[in-house]
Amino acid sequence: MKVLIVEDHAVVREGVRRLLGVHFPATVLEAEDVETALKIYAEEKPDIVLLDLNLAGVGGLEMLRRVLVLDENAKVLIFSMHAEPAFAARAIKAGAKGYVSKSAPVDELVTAVRRVREGGQYIDREMASALVMGQGSGGDPLQGLTARELEILRMLGQGRSLTAIAESLGVAYKTVANNCSHMKVKLGVERTADLIRLAVQNLHT
């Protein structure tokens, strides 16, 4: 089995490499950014891509889309720090074969790799339970947002951090954080996770 790990933290890549080596006869390839990952994928055609969402530049969801353009049968498993159901829902909708948060037990990642390798799908247990329990919202709850707020909300739905959004918009981190606070008040939610859920449900991010 050939696995490509796309992750910008070397410590995480090393940990996953060792884990895979214990459980699978695997050749492990590594990339820390989207451009390098796409080049490696085109040249090596790995069996599975283990992809982090929080990458510099275009981000992990765009990486997922570009891989599927190269190979519509690509087996991409998201392995991300984001443990919110909205991220999993968005990734699966975009074509990922599975989603495991970095807070999940080690055995879940091993199971996910095995399942995806065999042609199946896998979402870690806690995430799957949250997705089942989640409720959609009716109507258009975003009508009261400004254009800038909608732009920030869309970026949240793409999996970008507040820091990355601030850099993309050329504004201060505090400005983005304040916009998020205003959106929470307007939408009647308390957490950034709720903003992400609404973005995924209501915006074509």
Protein backbone atom coordinates (compact mmCIF):
# COMPACT_ATOMS: atom_id res chain seq x y z
CA MET A 1 0.00 0.00 0.00
CA LYS A 2 1.22 3.47 -0.89
CA VAL A 3 0.03 6.32 1.33
CA LEU A 4 0.52 10.07 0.84
CA ILE A 5 0.38 12.14 4.05
CA VAL A 6 -0.46 15.80 3.39
CA GLU A 7 0.21 17.61 6.66
CA ASP A 8 2.19 20.77 7.45
CA HIS A 9 3.44 19.61 10.85
CA ALA A 10 6.50 17.34 10.65
CA VAL A 11 5.83 15.82 14.09
CA VAL A 12 2.35 14.70 13.01
CA ARG A 13 3.69 13.27 9.74
CA GLU A 14 6.32 11.29 11.62
CA GLY A 15 3.78 9.97 14.11
CA VAL A 16 1.41 8.83 11.37
CA ARG A 17 4.28 7.29 9.39
CA ARG A 18 5.29 5.19 12.41
CA LEU A 19 1.71 4.19 13.14
CA LEU A 20 1.14 3.04 9.57
CA GLY A 21 4.42 1.13 9.64
CA VAL A 22 3.25 -0.86 12.65
CA HIS A 23 -0.09 -1.86 11.15
CA PHE A 24 0.48 -2.01 7.39
CA PRO A 25 3.17 -2.93 4.85
CA ALA A 26 3.09 0.61 3.50
CA THR A 27 5.24 2.97 1.48
CA VAL A 28 4.65 6.40 2.99
CA LEU A 29 5.06 9.61 0.99
CA GLU A 30 4.88 13.06 2.57
CA ALA A 31 3.96 16.60 1.55
CA GLU A 32 3.53 19.73 3.63
CA ASP A 33 1.64 21.84 1.09
CA VAL A 34 -0.94 21.46 -1.66
CA GLU A 35 1.36 22.07 -4.62
CA THR A 36 3.88 19.43 -3.52
CA ALA A 37 1.10 16.98 -2.71
CA LEU A 38 -0.51 17.31 -6.13
CA LYS A 39 2.84 16.79 -7.85
CA ILE A 40 3.51 13.65 -5.79
CA TYR A 41 0.02 12.34 -6.42
CA ALA A 42 0.35 12.76 -10.19
CA GLU A 43 3.72 10.98 -10.19
CA GLU A 44 3.17 8.24 -7.61
CA LYS A 45 -0.61 7.54 -7.70
CA PRO A 46 -0.85 6.57 -3.99
CA ASP A 47 -3.58 4.20 -2.86
CA ILE A 48 -4.71 6.55 -0.09
CA VAL A 49 -4.23 10.23 0.69
CA LEU A 50 -4.29 11.20 4.38
CA LEU A 51 -5.18 14.88 4.21
CA ASP A 52 -5.21 17.62 6.83
CA LEU A 53 -7.73 20.43 6.22
CA ASN A 54 -5.81 23.27 7.84
CA LEU A 55 -3.12 23.75 5.18
CA ALA A 56 -1.51 27.01 4.14
CA GLY A 57 -2.76 28.65 0.96
CA VAL A 58 -5.87 27.21 -0.66
CA GLY A 59 -6.54 24.76 2.17
CA GLY A 60 -7.40 21.10 2.45
CA LEU A 61 -10.86 21.14 0.87
CA GLU A 62 -9.49 22.71 -2.29
CA MET A 63 -6.70 20.11 -2.25
CA LEU A 64 -9.41 17.45 -2.10
CA ARG A 65 -11.18 18.93 -5.12
CA ARG A 66 -7.97 19.14 -7.14
CA VAL A 67 -7.02 15.55 -6.38
CA LEU A 68 -10.43 14.40 -7.57
CA VAL A 69 -9.92 16.35 -10.79
CA LEU A 70 -6.67 14.44 -11.32
CA ASP A 71 -8.27 11.14 -10.37
CA GLU A 72 -12.00 10.84 -9.79
CA ASN A 73 -11.41 7.52 -8.00
CA ALA A 74 -8.90 8.95 -5.52
CA LYS A 75 -9.28 7.63 -1.97
CA VAL A 76 -8.88 10.64 0.33
CA LEU A 77 -9.17 10.26 4.08
CA ILE A 78 -9.35 13.49 6.07
CA PHE A 79 -7.27 13.52 9.26
CA SER A 80 -7.87 16.88 10.87
CA MET A 81 -7.74 18.84 14.09
CA HIS A 82 -11.31 19.97 13.39
CA ALA A 83 -13.64 17.79 15.44
CA GLU A 84 -16.82 19.60 14.41
CA PRO A 85 -19.42 17.64 12.41
CA ALA A 86 -19.76 20.49 9.90
CA PHE A 87 -16.23 19.89 8.65
CA ALA A 88 -16.86 16.17 8.22
CA ALA A 89 -20.13 16.81 6.39
CA ARG A 90 -18.46 19.27 4.04
CA ALA A 91 -15.52 16.96 3.35
CA ILE A 92 -17.69 13.93 2.61
CA LYS A 93 -19.92 16.04 0.39
CA ALA A 94 -16.81 17.20 -1.50
CA GLY A 95 -15.74 13.61 -2.15
CA ALA A 96 -13.64 12.43 0.79
CA LYS A 97 -13.95 8.72 1.62
CA GLY A 98 -13.58 9.25 5.35
CA TYR A 99 -12.97 11.63 8.22
CA VAL A 100 -11.05 11.08 11.45
CA SER A 101 -10.30 13.87 13.91
CA LYS A 102 -6.86 14.03 15.49
CA SER A 103 -8.50 13.69 18.89
CA ALA A 104 -9.92 10.27 18.00
CA PRO A 105 -8.31 7.09 19.40
CA VAL A 106 -5.41 5.65 17.41
CA ASP A 107 -7.37 2.52 16.50
CA GLU A 108 -9.93 4.65 14.69
CA LEU A 109 -7.32 5.98 12.26
CA VAL A 110 -6.06 2.44 11.63
CA THR A 111 -9.62 1.23 11.03
CA ALA A 112 -10.33 4.17 8.73
CA VAL A 113 -7.22 3.52 6.61
CA ARG A 114 -8.13 -0.15 6.31
CA ARG A 115 -11.76 0.58 5.44
CA VAL A 116 -10.93 3.23 2.83
CA ARG A 117 -8.22 1.03 1.33
CA GLU A 118 -10.83 -1.70 0.83
CA GLY A 119 -13.10 0.72 -1.01
CA GLY A 120 -15.39 1.69 1.86
CA GLN A 121 -15.99 4.85 3.85
CA TYR A 122 -15.32 5.65 7.49
CA ILE A 123 -16.16 8.47 9.89
CA ASP A 124 -14.85 8.24 13.44
CA ARG A 125 -17.44 7.14 15.99
CA GLU A 126 -17.83 10.43 17.86
CA MET A 127 -18.12 12.40 14.64
CA ALA A 128 -20.62 9.97 13.14
CA SER A 129 -22.78 10.21 16.24
CA ALA A 130 -22.71 14.02 16.12
CA LEU A 131 -23.67 14.00 12.44
CA VAL A 132 -26.63 11.75 13.14
CA MET A 133 -27.78 14.00 15.99
CA GLY A 134 -27.30 17.24 14.05
CA GLN A 135 -30.32 19.13 12.82
CA GLY A 136 -30.65 21.21 9.70
CA SER A 137 -32.02 24.71 9.76
CA GLY A 138 -34.92 25.92 7.72
CA GLY A 139 -35.34 29.13 5.74
CA ASP A 140 -32.46 31.52 5.19
CA PRO A 141 -30.88 32.42 8.53
CA LEU A 142 -28.16 34.49 6.86
CA GLN A 143 -30.27 37.33 5.48
CA GLY A 144 -29.18 39.82 8.13
CA LEU A 145 -25.44 39.45 7.51
CA THR A 146 -23.30 42.02 5.74
CA ALA A 147 -21.26 41.16 2.64
CA ARG A 148 -18.07 41.04 4.70
CA GLU A 149 -19.67 38.81 7.31
CA LEU A 150 -20.89 36.43 4.60
CA GLU A 151 -17.38 36.35 3.14
CA ILE A 152 -15.88 35.44 6.52
CA LEU A 153 -18.60 32.85 7.10
CA ARG A 154 -17.89 31.26 3.74
CA MET A 155 -14.18 31.00 4.59
CA LEU A 156 -15.04 29.41 7.95
CA GLY A 157 -17.03 26.83 6.03
CA GLN A 158 -13.96 26.12 3.90
CA GLY A 159 -12.07 25.13 7.03
CA ARG A 160 -9.93 28.24 7.36
CA SER A 161 -8.78 29.51 10.73
CA LEU A 162 -9.46 33.08 11.88
CA THR A 163 -5.77 33.86 11.38
CA ALA A 164 -5.85 32.57 7.80
CA ILE A 165 -9.03 34.55 7.09
CA ALA A 166 -7.46 37.73 8.44
CA GLU A 167 -4.40 37.23 6.24
CA SER A 168 -6.55 36.53 3.18
CA LEU A 169 -8.65 39.65 3.70
CA GLY A 170 -5.70 41.83 4.69
CA VAL A 171 -7.22 42.80 8.03
CA ALA A 172 -6.31 42.32 11.68
CA TYR A 173 -7.16 39.10 13.48
CA LYS A 174 -9.22 41.16 15.94
CA THR A 175 -11.35 42.49 13.08
CA VAL A 176 -12.26 38.97 11.97
CA ALA A 177 -12.93 37.91 15.57
CA ASN A 178 -15.23 40.91 16.08
CA ASN A 179 -17.11 40.06 12.89
CA CYS A 180 -17.60 36.52 14.18
CA SER A 181 -18.94 37.89 17.47
CA HIS A 182 -21.44 40.06 15.60
CA MET A 183 -22.55 37.10 13.48
CA LYS A 184 -23.13 34.97 16.58
CA VAL A 185 -25.41 37.64 18.00
CA LYS A 186 -27.32 38.05 14.72
CA LEU A 187 -27.71 34.29 14.22
CA GLY A 188 -28.45 33.46 17.84
CA VAL A 189 -25.56 31.04 18.34
CA GLU A 190 -22.79 30.88 20.92
CA ARG A 191 -19.89 29.02 19.31
CA THR A 192 -17.72 29.37 16.24
CA ALA A 193 -18.58 25.73 15.56
CA ASP A 194 -22.19 26.82 15.08
CA LEU A 195 -21.12 29.42 12.53
CA ILE A 196 -19.24 26.71 10.65
CA ARG A 197 -22.29 24.46 10.68
CA LEU A 198 -24.46 27.25 9.27
CA ALA A 199 -21.89 27.99 6.57
CA VAL A 200 -21.81 24.36 5.46
CA GLN A 201 -25.59 24.09 5.46
CA ASN A 202 -26.37 27.38 3.73
CA LEU A 203 -23.42 28.49 1.59
CA HIS A 204 -21.70 26.99 -1.44
CA THR A 205 -18.25 27.41 0.06
